[in-house]
N, C-alpha and C. Protein backbone atom coordinates (compact mmCIF):
# COMPACT_ATOMS: atom_id res chain seq x y z
N MET A 1 118.68 56.52 -2.79
CA MET A 1 119.53 57.54 -3.39
C MET A 1 119.65 58.74 -2.44
N GLU A 2 120.87 59.27 -2.38
CA GLU A 2 121.11 60.43 -1.52
C GLU A 2 121.62 61.58 -2.36
N ILE A 3 121.03 62.76 -2.18
CA ILE A 3 121.42 63.95 -2.94
C ILE A 3 121.89 65.03 -1.98
N THR A 4 123.09 65.55 -2.22
CA THR A 4 123.67 66.62 -1.41
C THR A 4 124.05 67.77 -2.33
N TRP A 5 123.70 68.99 -1.94
CA TRP A 5 124.10 70.17 -2.71
C TRP A 5 125.43 70.67 -2.18
N LEU A 6 126.43 70.73 -3.05
CA LEU A 6 127.76 71.20 -2.66
C LEU A 6 127.96 72.68 -2.96
N GLY A 7 126.98 73.31 -3.64
CA GLY A 7 127.06 74.74 -3.93
C GLY A 7 127.00 75.04 -5.41
N HIS A 8 126.43 76.20 -5.75
CA HIS A 8 126.28 76.67 -7.13
C HIS A 8 125.48 75.62 -7.93
N GLY A 9 126.07 75.00 -8.94
CA GLY A 9 125.37 73.96 -9.69
C GLY A 9 125.85 72.57 -9.37
N CYS A 10 126.60 72.43 -8.28
CA CYS A 10 127.27 71.16 -7.98
C CYS A 10 126.47 70.34 -6.96
N PHE A 11 126.12 69.13 -7.36
CA PHE A 11 125.46 68.17 -6.48
C PHE A 11 126.27 66.87 -6.47
N ARG A 12 126.19 66.17 -5.35
CA ARG A 12 126.68 64.80 -5.28
C ARG A 12 125.47 63.88 -5.15
N ILE A 13 125.36 62.94 -6.07
CA ILE A 13 124.24 62.01 -6.10
C ILE A 13 124.79 60.61 -5.89
N ARG A 14 124.48 60.03 -4.74
CA ARG A 14 124.96 58.69 -4.42
C ARG A 14 123.83 57.68 -4.62
N ALA A 15 124.08 56.68 -5.43
CA ALA A 15 123.08 55.66 -5.70
C ALA A 15 123.76 54.30 -5.70
N LYS A 16 122.95 53.26 -5.85
CA LYS A 16 123.50 51.90 -5.85
C LYS A 16 124.46 51.70 -7.01
N GLU A 17 124.09 52.26 -8.17
CA GLU A 17 124.89 52.05 -9.36
C GLU A 17 126.23 52.78 -9.31
N ALA A 18 126.21 54.03 -8.83
CA ALA A 18 127.41 54.86 -8.88
C ALA A 18 127.17 56.16 -8.12
N THR A 19 128.25 56.92 -7.95
CA THR A 19 128.16 58.28 -7.41
C THR A 19 128.45 59.26 -8.55
N VAL A 20 127.53 60.20 -8.72
CA VAL A 20 127.66 61.20 -9.79
C VAL A 20 127.81 62.58 -9.15
N VAL A 21 128.75 63.37 -9.66
CA VAL A 21 128.89 64.77 -9.26
C VAL A 21 128.59 65.63 -10.48
N THR A 22 127.75 66.63 -10.29
CA THR A 22 127.38 67.52 -11.39
C THR A 22 128.09 68.86 -11.26
N ASP A 23 128.54 69.42 -12.36
CA ASP A 23 129.08 70.78 -12.44
C ASP A 23 129.97 71.17 -11.24
N PRO A 24 131.08 70.48 -11.02
CA PRO A 24 131.95 70.88 -9.91
C PRO A 24 132.44 72.32 -10.09
N THR A 25 132.36 73.10 -9.02
CA THR A 25 132.69 74.52 -9.10
C THR A 25 134.03 74.82 -8.46
N ASP A 26 134.74 75.82 -8.99
CA ASP A 26 136.01 76.19 -8.40
C ASP A 26 135.79 77.11 -7.19
N LYS A 27 136.86 77.36 -6.45
CA LYS A 27 136.73 78.12 -5.20
C LYS A 27 136.36 79.58 -5.43
N LYS A 28 136.57 80.10 -6.65
CA LYS A 28 136.23 81.49 -6.92
C LYS A 28 134.73 81.75 -6.79
N ALA A 29 133.93 80.69 -6.90
CA ALA A 29 132.49 80.84 -6.74
C ALA A 29 132.09 80.99 -5.28
N GLY A 30 133.04 80.72 -4.37
CA GLY A 30 132.77 80.91 -2.96
C GLY A 30 132.55 79.65 -2.16
N TYR A 31 132.45 78.51 -2.84
CA TYR A 31 132.17 77.25 -2.15
C TYR A 31 133.43 76.40 -2.04
N SER A 32 133.53 75.65 -0.98
CA SER A 32 134.62 74.70 -0.80
C SER A 32 134.05 73.30 -0.87
N LEU A 33 134.36 72.59 -1.94
CA LEU A 33 133.78 71.28 -2.14
C LEU A 33 134.43 70.20 -1.28
N GLY A 34 135.60 70.50 -0.72
CA GLY A 34 136.38 69.43 -0.10
C GLY A 34 137.02 68.60 -1.19
N ARG A 35 137.10 67.29 -0.98
CA ARG A 35 137.63 66.40 -2.03
C ARG A 35 136.68 65.22 -2.22
N PRO A 36 135.48 65.49 -2.72
CA PRO A 36 134.52 64.40 -2.90
C PRO A 36 134.99 63.43 -3.99
N THR A 37 134.59 62.19 -3.86
CA THR A 37 134.89 61.20 -4.88
C THR A 37 133.65 60.97 -5.74
N ALA A 38 133.88 60.47 -6.94
CA ALA A 38 132.78 60.21 -7.85
C ALA A 38 133.20 59.17 -8.87
N ASP A 39 132.21 58.49 -9.42
CA ASP A 39 132.44 57.60 -10.56
C ASP A 39 132.26 58.36 -11.87
N LEU A 40 131.32 59.32 -11.86
CA LEU A 40 131.02 60.10 -13.05
C LEU A 40 130.89 61.57 -12.69
N ILE A 41 131.29 62.43 -13.62
CA ILE A 41 131.09 63.87 -13.49
C ILE A 41 130.38 64.35 -14.74
N THR A 42 129.33 65.15 -14.56
CA THR A 42 128.71 65.82 -15.70
C THR A 42 129.10 67.30 -15.67
N VAL A 43 129.42 67.84 -16.83
CA VAL A 43 129.84 69.24 -16.97
C VAL A 43 128.94 69.90 -18.00
N SER A 44 128.24 70.94 -17.58
CA SER A 44 127.24 71.55 -18.47
C SER A 44 127.84 72.58 -19.42
N CYS A 45 128.90 73.26 -19.00
CA CYS A 45 129.45 74.33 -19.85
C CYS A 45 130.91 74.58 -19.51
N ASP A 46 131.56 75.27 -20.43
CA ASP A 46 133.00 75.54 -20.30
C ASP A 46 133.21 76.80 -19.47
N ASP A 47 133.07 76.65 -18.16
CA ASP A 47 133.18 77.76 -17.23
C ASP A 47 133.73 77.19 -15.93
N PRO A 48 134.74 77.84 -15.31
CA PRO A 48 135.32 77.31 -14.08
C PRO A 48 134.31 77.09 -12.95
N ALA A 49 133.21 77.84 -13.00
CA ALA A 49 132.19 77.65 -11.98
C ALA A 49 131.39 76.38 -12.19
N HIS A 50 131.62 75.71 -13.34
CA HIS A 50 130.86 74.51 -13.67
C HIS A 50 131.73 73.34 -14.13
N ASN A 51 133.03 73.55 -14.35
CA ASN A 51 133.85 72.47 -14.93
C ASN A 51 135.15 72.21 -14.18
N ALA A 52 135.16 72.47 -12.87
CA ALA A 52 136.39 72.28 -12.08
C ALA A 52 136.55 70.80 -11.71
N VAL A 53 136.77 69.97 -12.72
CA VAL A 53 136.81 68.53 -12.50
C VAL A 53 138.00 68.12 -11.63
N GLY A 54 139.04 68.95 -11.57
CA GLY A 54 140.19 68.65 -10.73
C GLY A 54 139.88 68.70 -9.24
N ALA A 55 138.72 69.26 -8.89
CA ALA A 55 138.32 69.32 -7.48
C ALA A 55 137.77 67.99 -6.98
N ILE A 56 137.55 67.05 -7.90
CA ILE A 56 136.97 65.76 -7.55
C ILE A 56 138.08 64.71 -7.47
N ALA A 57 138.11 63.99 -6.36
CA ALA A 57 139.12 62.96 -6.17
C ALA A 57 138.73 61.70 -6.96
N SER A 58 139.57 60.69 -6.87
CA SER A 58 139.40 59.41 -7.59
C SER A 58 139.66 59.63 -9.08
N ASP A 59 139.18 58.73 -9.90
CA ASP A 59 139.43 58.82 -11.35
C ASP A 59 138.10 58.71 -12.08
N PRO A 60 137.26 59.76 -11.98
CA PRO A 60 135.92 59.69 -12.55
C PRO A 60 135.92 59.86 -14.06
N ARG A 61 134.89 59.35 -14.70
CA ARG A 61 134.64 59.59 -16.12
C ARG A 61 133.91 60.91 -16.25
N VAL A 62 134.36 61.77 -17.15
CA VAL A 62 133.77 63.10 -17.34
C VAL A 62 132.94 63.11 -18.62
N ILE A 63 131.68 63.53 -18.48
CA ILE A 63 130.78 63.67 -19.63
C ILE A 63 130.45 65.14 -19.79
N ASP A 64 130.78 65.73 -20.94
CA ASP A 64 130.60 67.17 -21.13
C ASP A 64 130.00 67.53 -22.48
N GLY A 65 129.31 66.58 -23.10
CA GLY A 65 128.72 66.87 -24.40
C GLY A 65 127.37 66.19 -24.57
N PRO A 66 126.69 66.51 -25.66
CA PRO A 66 125.39 65.91 -25.91
C PRO A 66 125.50 64.45 -26.34
N GLY A 67 124.40 63.74 -26.27
CA GLY A 67 124.38 62.35 -26.69
C GLY A 67 123.86 61.44 -25.61
N GLU A 68 123.81 60.15 -25.89
CA GLU A 68 123.37 59.15 -24.93
C GLU A 68 124.55 58.29 -24.51
N PHE A 69 124.62 58.00 -23.21
CA PHE A 69 125.76 57.29 -22.65
C PHE A 69 125.28 56.20 -21.68
N GLU A 70 126.01 55.12 -21.64
CA GLU A 70 125.78 54.05 -20.66
C GLU A 70 127.14 53.76 -20.04
N ILE A 71 127.34 54.21 -18.81
CA ILE A 71 128.66 54.14 -18.18
C ILE A 71 128.50 53.62 -16.76
N ARG A 72 129.19 52.54 -16.46
CA ARG A 72 129.21 51.99 -15.11
C ARG A 72 127.80 51.76 -14.56
N GLY A 73 126.93 51.30 -15.43
CA GLY A 73 125.57 51.00 -15.01
C GLY A 73 124.65 52.20 -14.94
N VAL A 74 125.13 53.37 -15.36
CA VAL A 74 124.34 54.59 -15.32
C VAL A 74 124.00 55.02 -16.74
N SER A 75 122.72 55.31 -16.96
CA SER A 75 122.29 55.84 -18.26
C SER A 75 122.21 57.35 -18.17
N LEU A 76 122.85 58.04 -19.12
CA LEU A 76 122.83 59.50 -19.16
C LEU A 76 122.47 59.96 -20.56
N ALA A 77 121.82 61.11 -20.62
CA ALA A 77 121.55 61.76 -21.90
C ALA A 77 121.88 63.24 -21.75
N GLY A 78 122.69 63.76 -22.69
CA GLY A 78 123.02 65.17 -22.70
C GLY A 78 122.27 65.88 -23.81
N VAL A 79 121.59 66.96 -23.46
CA VAL A 79 120.79 67.71 -24.42
C VAL A 79 121.36 69.13 -24.55
N ALA A 80 121.73 69.51 -25.76
CA ALA A 80 122.29 70.85 -25.99
C ALA A 80 121.20 71.90 -25.88
N THR A 81 121.45 72.94 -25.06
CA THR A 81 120.51 74.03 -24.87
C THR A 81 121.27 75.35 -24.95
N ALA A 82 120.54 76.46 -24.82
CA ALA A 82 121.16 77.78 -24.88
C ALA A 82 121.72 78.18 -23.52
N ARG A 83 122.89 78.79 -23.54
CA ARG A 83 123.46 79.37 -22.33
C ARG A 83 123.37 80.89 -22.46
N GLY A 84 122.99 81.56 -21.39
CA GLY A 84 122.83 83.00 -21.43
C GLY A 84 121.47 83.40 -21.96
N LYS A 85 121.13 84.66 -21.78
CA LYS A 85 119.83 85.18 -22.18
C LYS A 85 119.95 85.99 -23.46
N GLU A 86 118.87 86.08 -24.17
CA GLU A 86 118.84 86.92 -25.35
C GLU A 86 118.53 88.35 -24.98
N LYS A 87 119.25 89.30 -25.55
CA LYS A 87 118.97 90.71 -25.37
C LYS A 87 119.18 91.40 -26.70
N ASP A 88 118.12 92.02 -27.20
CA ASP A 88 118.18 92.69 -28.50
C ASP A 88 118.63 91.73 -29.59
N GLY A 89 118.15 90.46 -29.49
CA GLY A 89 118.44 89.48 -30.52
C GLY A 89 119.80 88.82 -30.42
N ALA A 90 120.57 89.14 -29.41
CA ALA A 90 121.92 88.56 -29.27
C ALA A 90 122.05 87.88 -27.92
N GLN A 91 122.89 86.84 -27.89
CA GLN A 91 123.16 86.14 -26.64
C GLN A 91 124.07 86.99 -25.75
N GLN A 92 123.72 87.10 -24.46
CA GLN A 92 124.57 87.85 -23.53
C GLN A 92 125.81 87.05 -23.15
N VAL A 93 125.70 85.73 -23.15
CA VAL A 93 126.83 84.86 -22.86
C VAL A 93 126.97 83.87 -24.00
N ALA A 94 128.17 83.78 -24.57
CA ALA A 94 128.37 82.89 -25.71
C ALA A 94 128.54 81.46 -25.22
N GLY A 95 128.34 80.53 -26.14
CA GLY A 95 128.59 79.13 -25.83
C GLY A 95 127.32 78.35 -25.56
N ARG A 96 127.48 77.05 -25.50
CA ARG A 96 126.32 76.19 -25.30
C ARG A 96 126.28 75.69 -23.86
N ASN A 97 125.14 75.14 -23.53
CA ASN A 97 124.94 74.49 -22.24
C ASN A 97 124.41 73.09 -22.50
N ILE A 98 124.82 72.15 -21.68
CA ILE A 98 124.31 70.79 -21.78
C ILE A 98 123.45 70.49 -20.56
N ALA A 99 122.19 70.18 -20.81
CA ALA A 99 121.31 69.69 -19.75
C ALA A 99 121.43 68.17 -19.72
N PHE A 100 121.58 67.62 -18.54
CA PHE A 100 121.76 66.17 -18.42
C PHE A 100 120.56 65.51 -17.76
N VAL A 101 120.21 64.36 -18.29
CA VAL A 101 119.22 63.48 -17.66
C VAL A 101 119.96 62.23 -17.19
N ILE A 102 119.86 61.96 -15.90
CA ILE A 102 120.62 60.87 -15.29
C ILE A 102 119.63 59.87 -14.70
N ASP A 103 119.75 58.62 -15.12
CA ASP A 103 118.86 57.56 -14.62
C ASP A 103 119.59 56.75 -13.55
N LEU A 104 119.07 56.82 -12.34
CA LEU A 104 119.64 56.08 -11.21
C LEU A 104 118.50 55.51 -10.36
N GLU A 105 118.60 54.25 -10.01
CA GLU A 105 117.62 53.62 -9.13
C GLU A 105 116.18 53.85 -9.61
N ASP A 106 116.00 53.79 -10.93
CA ASP A 106 114.69 53.96 -11.55
C ASP A 106 114.12 55.36 -11.33
N ILE A 107 114.99 56.33 -11.07
CA ILE A 107 114.61 57.73 -10.91
C ILE A 107 115.34 58.54 -11.98
N ARG A 108 114.61 59.42 -12.66
CA ARG A 108 115.21 60.26 -13.71
C ARG A 108 115.45 61.66 -13.14
N ILE A 109 116.72 62.02 -13.07
CA ILE A 109 117.14 63.32 -12.54
C ILE A 109 117.54 64.22 -13.69
N GLY A 110 116.97 65.41 -13.75
CA GLY A 110 117.36 66.38 -14.76
C GLY A 110 118.19 67.48 -14.13
N HIS A 111 119.43 67.63 -14.59
CA HIS A 111 120.30 68.72 -14.13
C HIS A 111 120.45 69.68 -15.30
N LEU A 112 119.94 70.89 -15.17
CA LEU A 112 119.88 71.81 -16.30
C LEU A 112 121.13 72.66 -16.46
N GLY A 113 122.12 72.50 -15.57
CA GLY A 113 123.36 73.23 -15.72
C GLY A 113 123.14 74.73 -15.66
N ALA A 114 123.77 75.45 -16.60
CA ALA A 114 123.65 76.91 -16.65
C ALA A 114 122.71 77.32 -17.78
N ILE A 115 121.64 76.58 -17.95
CA ILE A 115 120.68 76.89 -19.02
C ILE A 115 120.18 78.32 -18.85
N GLY A 116 120.14 79.06 -19.97
CA GLY A 116 119.79 80.47 -19.89
C GLY A 116 118.42 80.83 -20.40
N GLN A 117 117.76 79.89 -21.08
CA GLN A 117 116.44 80.15 -21.64
C GLN A 117 115.55 78.94 -21.41
N VAL A 118 114.26 79.18 -21.35
CA VAL A 118 113.30 78.09 -21.21
C VAL A 118 113.51 77.11 -22.38
N PRO A 119 113.58 75.82 -22.11
CA PRO A 119 113.79 74.86 -23.21
C PRO A 119 112.73 74.99 -24.29
N THR A 120 113.15 74.81 -25.52
CA THR A 120 112.21 74.77 -26.63
C THR A 120 111.39 73.49 -26.53
N SER A 121 110.34 73.40 -27.33
CA SER A 121 109.52 72.18 -27.31
C SER A 121 110.34 70.97 -27.73
N ASP A 122 111.25 71.15 -28.70
CA ASP A 122 112.11 70.04 -29.12
C ASP A 122 113.06 69.62 -28.00
N GLN A 123 113.64 70.61 -27.31
CA GLN A 123 114.54 70.30 -26.21
C GLN A 123 113.79 69.62 -25.07
N ALA A 124 112.59 70.10 -24.77
CA ALA A 124 111.78 69.48 -23.72
C ALA A 124 111.46 68.04 -24.06
N GLU A 125 111.21 67.78 -25.33
CA GLU A 125 110.92 66.41 -25.76
C GLU A 125 112.16 65.53 -25.60
N GLU A 126 113.34 66.09 -25.93
CA GLU A 126 114.58 65.33 -25.75
C GLU A 126 114.84 65.04 -24.27
N ILE A 127 114.58 66.02 -23.42
CA ILE A 127 114.78 65.82 -21.98
C ILE A 127 113.81 64.77 -21.46
N GLY A 128 112.57 64.84 -21.87
CA GLY A 128 111.60 63.84 -21.51
C GLY A 128 111.07 63.98 -20.10
N ALA A 129 110.45 62.92 -19.61
CA ALA A 129 109.85 62.92 -18.28
C ALA A 129 110.94 62.96 -17.22
N ILE A 130 110.75 63.81 -16.22
CA ILE A 130 111.73 64.02 -15.16
C ILE A 130 111.07 63.80 -13.80
N ASP A 131 111.74 63.05 -12.94
CA ASP A 131 111.26 62.88 -11.56
C ASP A 131 111.77 64.00 -10.66
N ILE A 132 113.08 64.28 -10.75
CA ILE A 132 113.71 65.30 -9.91
C ILE A 132 114.40 66.30 -10.82
N LEU A 133 114.08 67.58 -10.67
CA LEU A 133 114.67 68.62 -11.51
C LEU A 133 115.57 69.51 -10.67
N LEU A 134 116.84 69.61 -11.08
CA LEU A 134 117.81 70.51 -10.47
C LEU A 134 117.93 71.71 -11.41
N VAL A 135 117.40 72.85 -10.98
CA VAL A 135 117.19 73.96 -11.90
C VAL A 135 117.82 75.25 -11.36
N PRO A 136 118.56 76.01 -12.21
CA PRO A 136 119.08 77.30 -11.79
C PRO A 136 117.95 78.31 -11.68
N VAL A 137 118.00 79.17 -10.64
CA VAL A 137 116.89 80.10 -10.41
C VAL A 137 117.36 81.53 -10.14
N GLY A 138 118.68 81.75 -10.04
CA GLY A 138 119.17 83.04 -9.56
C GLY A 138 119.69 84.00 -10.61
N GLY A 139 119.49 83.67 -11.89
CA GLY A 139 119.91 84.60 -12.93
C GLY A 139 121.38 84.52 -13.25
N GLY A 140 122.01 85.69 -13.47
CA GLY A 140 123.37 85.69 -13.98
C GLY A 140 123.34 85.18 -15.41
N CYS A 141 124.16 84.17 -15.72
CA CYS A 141 124.17 83.59 -17.07
C CYS A 141 123.08 82.55 -17.25
N ALA A 142 122.34 82.26 -16.18
CA ALA A 142 121.35 81.19 -16.21
C ALA A 142 119.94 81.74 -15.93
N LEU A 143 118.97 80.84 -15.84
CA LEU A 143 117.59 81.24 -15.60
C LEU A 143 117.44 82.00 -14.30
N ASP A 144 116.56 83.02 -14.33
CA ASP A 144 116.15 83.63 -13.07
C ASP A 144 114.74 83.13 -12.73
N ALA A 145 114.10 83.75 -11.76
CA ALA A 145 112.92 83.17 -11.14
C ALA A 145 111.79 82.84 -12.11
N ALA A 146 111.35 83.81 -12.90
CA ALA A 146 110.18 83.60 -13.75
C ALA A 146 110.39 82.51 -14.80
N PRO A 147 111.47 82.57 -15.61
CA PRO A 147 111.67 81.50 -16.59
C PRO A 147 111.99 80.15 -15.94
N ALA A 148 112.56 80.16 -14.74
CA ALA A 148 112.80 78.89 -14.03
C ALA A 148 111.46 78.25 -13.67
N ALA A 149 110.52 79.07 -13.18
CA ALA A 149 109.19 78.55 -12.86
C ALA A 149 108.48 78.06 -14.12
N GLU A 150 108.67 78.78 -15.24
CA GLU A 150 108.08 78.36 -16.51
C GLU A 150 108.66 77.02 -16.96
N THR A 151 109.96 76.84 -16.74
CA THR A 151 110.62 75.58 -17.09
C THR A 151 110.08 74.43 -16.25
N VAL A 152 109.85 74.68 -14.97
CA VAL A 152 109.25 73.66 -14.10
C VAL A 152 107.88 73.26 -14.63
N ALA A 153 107.07 74.25 -15.00
CA ALA A 153 105.74 73.97 -15.53
C ALA A 153 105.80 73.18 -16.83
N LEU A 154 106.82 73.45 -17.63
CA LEU A 154 106.98 72.75 -18.91
C LEU A 154 107.38 71.30 -18.71
N LEU A 155 108.33 71.04 -17.80
CA LEU A 155 108.88 69.69 -17.63
C LEU A 155 108.09 68.84 -16.64
N GLU A 156 107.31 69.48 -15.77
CA GLU A 156 106.44 68.80 -14.83
C GLU A 156 107.14 67.74 -13.98
N PRO A 157 108.23 68.09 -13.31
CA PRO A 157 108.88 67.11 -12.43
C PRO A 157 108.06 66.89 -11.17
N LYS A 158 108.38 65.83 -10.46
CA LYS A 158 107.71 65.58 -9.19
C LYS A 158 108.38 66.34 -8.05
N LEU A 159 109.68 66.51 -8.15
CA LEU A 159 110.44 67.21 -7.12
C LEU A 159 111.36 68.22 -7.77
N VAL A 160 111.37 69.44 -7.24
CA VAL A 160 112.20 70.53 -7.78
C VAL A 160 113.20 70.95 -6.71
N ILE A 161 114.48 70.93 -7.05
CA ILE A 161 115.52 71.41 -6.14
C ILE A 161 116.22 72.59 -6.81
N PRO A 162 116.05 73.80 -6.28
CA PRO A 162 116.69 74.98 -6.89
C PRO A 162 118.19 75.02 -6.63
N MET A 163 118.92 75.64 -7.55
CA MET A 163 120.37 75.80 -7.44
C MET A 163 120.76 77.12 -8.08
N HIS A 164 122.06 77.44 -8.02
CA HIS A 164 122.58 78.59 -8.77
C HIS A 164 121.83 79.87 -8.38
N TYR A 165 121.84 80.18 -7.08
CA TYR A 165 121.23 81.41 -6.57
C TYR A 165 122.12 81.99 -5.47
N LYS A 166 121.80 83.18 -5.01
CA LYS A 166 122.63 83.87 -4.04
C LYS A 166 122.54 83.20 -2.67
N THR A 167 123.70 82.90 -2.10
CA THR A 167 123.79 82.43 -0.71
C THR A 167 124.83 83.28 -0.01
N ASP A 168 125.06 83.02 1.27
CA ASP A 168 126.08 83.79 1.99
C ASP A 168 127.49 83.41 1.54
N ALA A 169 127.61 82.34 0.76
CA ALA A 169 128.92 81.93 0.26
C ALA A 169 129.17 82.38 -1.18
N ASP A 170 128.13 82.41 -1.98
CA ASP A 170 128.29 82.63 -3.41
C ASP A 170 128.84 84.03 -3.70
N THR A 171 129.84 84.10 -4.57
CA THR A 171 130.48 85.38 -4.89
C THR A 171 129.91 86.03 -6.14
N TYR A 172 129.01 85.36 -6.84
CA TYR A 172 128.45 85.92 -8.06
C TYR A 172 127.23 86.79 -7.77
N LYS A 173 126.91 87.66 -8.71
CA LYS A 173 125.77 88.56 -8.53
C LYS A 173 124.49 87.85 -8.96
N LEU A 174 123.99 87.04 -8.07
CA LEU A 174 122.80 86.25 -8.35
C LEU A 174 121.63 86.73 -7.50
N ASP A 175 120.44 86.39 -7.94
CA ASP A 175 119.24 86.73 -7.18
C ASP A 175 119.06 85.76 -6.01
N PRO A 176 118.40 86.20 -4.94
CA PRO A 176 118.13 85.31 -3.82
C PRO A 176 117.04 84.30 -4.16
N LEU A 177 116.97 83.25 -3.37
CA LEU A 177 116.05 82.15 -3.61
C LEU A 177 114.58 82.58 -3.51
N ASP A 178 114.28 83.55 -2.65
CA ASP A 178 112.88 83.85 -2.36
C ASP A 178 112.10 84.30 -3.59
N ARG A 179 112.77 84.85 -4.59
CA ARG A 179 112.06 85.27 -5.80
C ARG A 179 111.49 84.07 -6.54
N PHE A 180 112.26 83.00 -6.60
CA PHE A 180 111.78 81.78 -7.25
C PHE A 180 110.66 81.14 -6.43
N LEU A 181 110.83 81.10 -5.13
CA LEU A 181 109.81 80.50 -4.28
C LEU A 181 108.49 81.24 -4.42
N LYS A 182 108.56 82.57 -4.55
CA LYS A 182 107.34 83.36 -4.76
C LYS A 182 106.69 83.00 -6.08
N GLU A 183 107.49 82.85 -7.13
CA GLU A 183 106.95 82.47 -8.44
C GLU A 183 106.26 81.10 -8.38
N MET A 184 106.80 80.22 -7.54
CA MET A 184 106.26 78.87 -7.42
C MET A 184 105.13 78.78 -6.40
N GLY A 185 104.84 79.89 -5.72
CA GLY A 185 103.76 79.89 -4.74
C GLY A 185 104.11 79.18 -3.45
N VAL A 186 105.41 79.07 -3.15
CA VAL A 186 105.86 78.42 -1.92
C VAL A 186 105.87 79.46 -0.80
N LYS A 187 105.07 79.25 0.22
CA LYS A 187 104.97 80.21 1.32
C LYS A 187 105.84 79.81 2.52
N GLU A 188 105.95 78.53 2.76
CA GLU A 188 106.76 78.04 3.87
C GLU A 188 107.76 77.02 3.31
N GLU A 189 109.02 77.38 3.35
CA GLU A 189 110.05 76.50 2.79
C GLU A 189 110.65 75.61 3.88
N GLU A 190 110.97 74.39 3.51
CA GLU A 190 111.67 73.47 4.39
C GLU A 190 113.10 73.30 3.88
N HIS A 191 114.07 73.44 4.79
CA HIS A 191 115.47 73.29 4.41
C HIS A 191 115.99 71.94 4.87
N HIS A 192 116.80 71.32 4.04
CA HIS A 192 117.37 70.02 4.36
C HIS A 192 118.87 70.06 4.06
N ALA A 193 119.65 69.37 4.89
CA ALA A 193 121.08 69.27 4.64
C ALA A 193 121.35 68.36 3.45
N LYS A 194 120.55 67.32 3.30
CA LYS A 194 120.60 66.40 2.17
C LYS A 194 119.29 65.62 2.18
N ILE A 195 119.02 64.91 1.11
CA ILE A 195 117.79 64.13 1.08
C ILE A 195 118.10 62.71 0.63
N ALA A 196 117.32 61.79 1.17
CA ALA A 196 117.32 60.40 0.70
C ALA A 196 115.98 60.18 0.03
N VAL A 197 115.99 59.69 -1.20
CA VAL A 197 114.76 59.56 -1.96
C VAL A 197 114.71 58.22 -2.67
N THR A 198 113.53 57.66 -2.75
CA THR A 198 113.28 56.45 -3.53
C THR A 198 112.15 56.74 -4.51
N LYS A 199 111.96 55.85 -5.45
CA LYS A 199 110.89 56.04 -6.43
C LYS A 199 109.54 56.16 -5.73
N SER A 200 109.32 55.33 -4.72
CA SER A 200 108.03 55.32 -4.04
C SER A 200 107.81 56.53 -3.14
N SER A 201 108.90 57.22 -2.77
CA SER A 201 108.77 58.38 -1.87
C SER A 201 108.56 59.69 -2.61
N LEU A 202 108.63 59.66 -3.94
CA LEU A 202 108.44 60.89 -4.71
C LEU A 202 106.99 61.38 -4.58
N PRO A 203 106.80 62.69 -4.50
CA PRO A 203 105.42 63.21 -4.39
C PRO A 203 104.64 63.00 -5.67
N GLU A 204 103.34 62.99 -5.57
CA GLU A 204 102.49 62.79 -6.74
C GLU A 204 102.38 64.06 -7.58
N THR A 205 102.44 65.22 -6.93
CA THR A 205 102.40 66.50 -7.64
C THR A 205 103.69 67.26 -7.37
N THR A 206 103.99 68.23 -8.21
CA THR A 206 105.26 68.95 -8.12
C THR A 206 105.43 69.65 -6.78
N GLN A 207 106.57 69.39 -6.14
CA GLN A 207 106.92 70.04 -4.89
C GLN A 207 108.32 70.61 -4.98
N VAL A 208 108.55 71.74 -4.28
CA VAL A 208 109.87 72.36 -4.21
C VAL A 208 110.52 71.98 -2.90
N LEU A 209 111.76 71.52 -2.99
CA LEU A 209 112.53 71.17 -1.79
C LEU A 209 113.84 71.95 -1.82
N VAL A 210 114.17 72.62 -0.70
CA VAL A 210 115.36 73.45 -0.63
C VAL A 210 116.45 72.71 0.13
N LEU A 211 117.61 72.58 -0.52
CA LEU A 211 118.77 72.00 0.14
C LEU A 211 119.72 73.11 0.56
N ASP A 212 120.28 73.01 1.75
CA ASP A 212 121.35 73.90 2.17
C ASP A 212 122.66 73.35 1.62
N TYR A 213 123.53 74.23 1.15
CA TYR A 213 124.81 73.75 0.61
C TYR A 213 125.68 73.19 1.73
N LYS A 214 126.48 72.20 1.37
CA LYS A 214 127.35 71.55 2.35
C LYS A 214 128.52 72.46 2.69
N LYS A 215 128.70 72.79 3.99
CA LYS A 215 129.76 73.69 4.42
C LYS A 215 130.96 72.89 4.90
């Protein structure tokens, strides 16, 4: 399996079964996706930074709601979570977020979309065991460093790939990556253009891996 970060919350995941693109973002977010192809697209929330499905070529199937799905040999589960943070008892951003669990090549990938709060115990149980966690860490409408680290501790993935943080391309007011790395105790970060991963290559204990967005 090959995973490439296209920017913001958008990843391209190529596996034997299919190619999945998560949360395609529009150009206003600062990233240029090109015209990637996909068999499936997951959309976490109704926001142009996460649902620009027209940016994806071919004729992919779009999944944007909760439930369990079996499509083109890929098993997916969508779990409804909160979008935005609570302040004085009210949500700062209205609407829901869908966290997706994607099973490919015997690896369970969790893409948390624009989740704004640490998952509840019920939500964590629905999400289940995760091998690779794609988690927002830069704040805005989604998790910032501390709750992102708390979410990692709750879900206990083997590999953590941060997303949705400030880069030289991103136009949103997000926090930089180093705040999350500090929360996770990462002192020396390794950057990768993309990663190839198999079930047997996953680390035994939780590790953070930083992907550079595709330019």
